[in-house]
Amino acid sequence: MSTIMRTLRNLRKIGIKEYAHQMMYIGDTKAGTYIATDRYGNKYYENLEDELPLRTRWVDYKEHEYSPCQIEPGWHAWMSYLVDKPPTEDAVLRTGQRVWELPEHRPNLTASRAAFRTYSTVKPKTAAWEPVATPR
């Protein structure tokens, strides 16, 4: 929740179109410097002067049906304040795509119909009791 003065200041800085976009998708107005875009198309921003502590970094997801699993590990470390430099400036986090990584994002399928379900291939040792009703 932001104050009215902060909202009006950000509206003046970012414009009406970006204001409407932010209110629709993050529910708050933020103005800051553009840091970079990751390979999934997410845009990362930072504002160290006007924001509250630990709320100075945010992401604008490319897809409107977003999930936090769409953030790469290096960007997640930067967003969580584990590192000070973004992955574009840090040599350790700027590894690129590894050979074992998927080229595109695979969404988290938990709690969906496509989620992984275990199944048993072993014959059960006990059988369920089935009552037999005789006609009267």
Protein backbone atom coordinates (compact mmCIF):
# COMPACT_ATOMS: atom_id res chain seq x y z
CA MET A 1 0.00 0.00 0.00
CA SER A 2 1.39 3.33 -0.95
CA THR A 3 0.57 6.87 0.08
CA ILE A 4 -1.24 9.28 -2.19
CA MET A 5 1.80 11.53 -2.58
CA ARG A 6 4.01 8.57 -3.53
CA THR A 7 1.41 7.36 -6.04
CA LEU A 8 1.10 10.80 -7.64
CA ARG A 9 4.90 11.17 -7.80
CA ASN A 10 5.23 7.78 -9.51
CA LEU A 11 2.36 8.62 -11.88
CA ARG A 12 4.24 11.74 -12.95
CA LYS A 13 7.46 9.75 -13.47
CA ILE A 14 6.12 6.70 -15.33
CA GLY A 15 3.05 8.01 -17.20
CA ILE A 16 -0.55 6.87 -17.36
CA LYS A 17 -0.01 3.76 -19.52
CA GLU A 18 2.67 2.27 -17.24
CA TYR A 19 0.66 3.36 -14.18
CA ALA A 20 -2.36 1.36 -15.40
CA HIS A 21 -0.13 -1.63 -16.24
CA GLN A 22 1.44 -1.65 -12.77
CA MET A 23 -1.85 -1.23 -10.95
CA MET A 24 -3.35 -4.11 -12.91
CA TYR A 25 -0.49 -6.56 -12.40
CA ILE A 26 1.37 -5.66 -9.20
CA GLY A 27 -1.23 -3.52 -7.44
CA ASP A 28 1.21 -0.72 -6.66
CA THR A 29 3.05 2.02 -8.50
CA LYS A 30 6.82 1.91 -8.69
CA ALA A 31 9.30 4.08 -10.55
CA GLY A 32 12.94 3.15 -10.84
CA THR A 33 15.85 2.42 -13.10
CA TYR A 34 15.69 -0.40 -15.59
CA ILE A 35 18.41 -2.96 -14.80
CA ALA A 36 18.10 -5.69 -17.45
CA THR A 37 15.89 -8.28 -19.13
CA ASP A 38 16.45 -11.99 -18.59
CA ARG A 39 16.20 -14.65 -21.29
CA TYR A 40 12.50 -15.25 -20.52
CA GLY A 41 11.65 -11.61 -21.20
CA ASN A 42 11.13 -10.48 -17.58
CA LYS A 43 12.25 -6.90 -16.87
CA TYR A 44 14.04 -6.05 -13.62
CA TYR A 45 14.00 -2.64 -11.93
CA GLU A 46 15.58 -1.02 -8.90
CA ASN A 47 14.94 2.20 -6.96
CA LEU A 48 17.18 2.87 -3.98
CA GLU A 49 16.04 6.43 -3.17
CA ASP A 50 12.25 6.50 -2.96
CA GLU A 51 11.26 2.98 -1.90
CA LEU A 52 11.07 1.37 1.51
CA PRO A 53 13.93 -0.92 2.58
CA LEU A 54 13.73 -4.42 1.08
CA ARG A 55 11.16 -3.21 -1.46
CA THR A 56 13.63 -1.55 -3.79
CA ARG A 57 13.81 -4.32 -6.44
CA TRP A 58 10.96 -5.69 -8.48
CA VAL A 59 10.25 -7.64 -11.64
CA ASP A 60 7.80 -6.98 -14.45
CA TYR A 61 6.90 -10.43 -15.76
CA LYS A 62 6.55 -10.93 -19.50
CA GLU A 63 3.52 -13.21 -19.15
CA HIS A 64 0.41 -12.00 -17.41
CA GLU A 65 -0.21 -15.41 -15.83
CA TYR A 66 3.04 -15.24 -13.91
CA SER A 67 4.60 -17.52 -11.35
CA PRO A 68 7.68 -16.89 -9.21
CA CYS A 69 9.25 -19.99 -10.76
CA GLN A 70 9.72 -17.93 -13.95
CA ILE A 71 12.67 -16.11 -12.38
CA GLU A 72 16.13 -17.51 -13.11
CA PRO A 73 18.29 -18.50 -10.10
CA GLY A 74 20.74 -15.61 -10.52
CA TRP A 75 17.95 -13.07 -10.72
CA HIS A 76 16.22 -14.72 -7.76
CA ALA A 77 19.38 -14.22 -5.68
CA TRP A 78 19.48 -10.56 -6.69
CA MET A 79 15.76 -10.03 -6.00
CA SER A 80 16.11 -11.66 -2.55
CA TYR A 81 19.08 -9.39 -1.65
CA LEU A 82 21.49 -12.33 -1.44
CA VAL A 83 23.89 -10.55 -3.81
CA ASP A 84 24.43 -6.84 -4.41
CA LYS A 85 25.16 -6.92 -8.14
CA PRO A 86 22.64 -8.13 -10.72
CA PRO A 87 23.60 -11.19 -12.80
CA THR A 88 24.53 -8.94 -15.73
CA GLU A 89 27.40 -7.45 -13.69
CA ASP A 90 28.42 -10.43 -11.54
CA ALA A 91 30.84 -12.85 -13.22
CA VAL A 92 29.78 -15.80 -11.06
CA LEU A 93 26.08 -15.42 -11.84
CA ARG A 94 26.63 -14.65 -15.54
CA THR A 95 27.02 -18.26 -16.61
CA GLY A 96 24.60 -18.24 -19.52
CA GLN A 97 22.67 -21.34 -20.41
CA ARG A 98 24.18 -24.60 -19.27
CA VAL A 99 24.01 -27.72 -21.44
CA TRP A 100 21.64 -29.48 -19.05
CA GLU A 101 19.17 -26.58 -18.79
CA LEU A 102 16.03 -26.42 -20.88
CA PRO A 103 16.11 -23.75 -23.59
CA GLU A 104 12.64 -22.47 -22.66
CA HIS A 105 10.79 -22.08 -19.41
CA ARG A 106 8.83 -25.07 -18.13
CA PRO A 107 6.08 -23.95 -15.72
CA ASN A 108 5.55 -25.44 -12.30
CA LEU A 109 2.72 -27.93 -12.76
CA THR A 110 1.98 -28.55 -9.08
CA ALA A 111 -1.77 -28.65 -8.29
CA SER A 112 -2.69 -28.98 -11.96
CA ARG A 113 -3.90 -31.91 -14.02
CA ALA A 114 -0.44 -32.29 -15.54
CA ALA A 115 1.28 -32.68 -12.17
CA PHE A 116 3.42 -35.76 -11.54
CA ARG A 117 1.64 -38.54 -9.66
CA THR A 118 3.37 -41.59 -8.36
CA TYR A 119 1.91 -45.01 -8.98
CA SER A 120 2.74 -48.46 -7.72
CA THR A 121 3.83 -51.28 -10.01
CA VAL A 122 3.75 -53.86 -7.22
CA LYS A 123 0.80 -56.21 -6.77
CA PRO A 124 -0.94 -55.42 -3.47
CA LYS A 125 -0.43 -58.02 -0.73
CA THR A 126 -3.93 -57.62 0.61
CA ALA A 127 -7.24 -57.41 -1.16
CA ALA A 128 -10.09 -55.14 -0.24
CA TRP A 129 -13.12 -56.77 1.33
CA GLU A 130 -16.12 -56.87 -0.94
CA PRO A 131 -19.38 -57.64 0.86
CA VAL A 132 -21.67 -60.16 -0.75
CA ALA A 133 -25.39 -59.57 -0.20
CA THR A 134 -27.59 -62.61 -0.61
CA PRO A 135 -31.10 -62.09 -1.91
CA ARG A 136 -33.92 -62.66 0.57
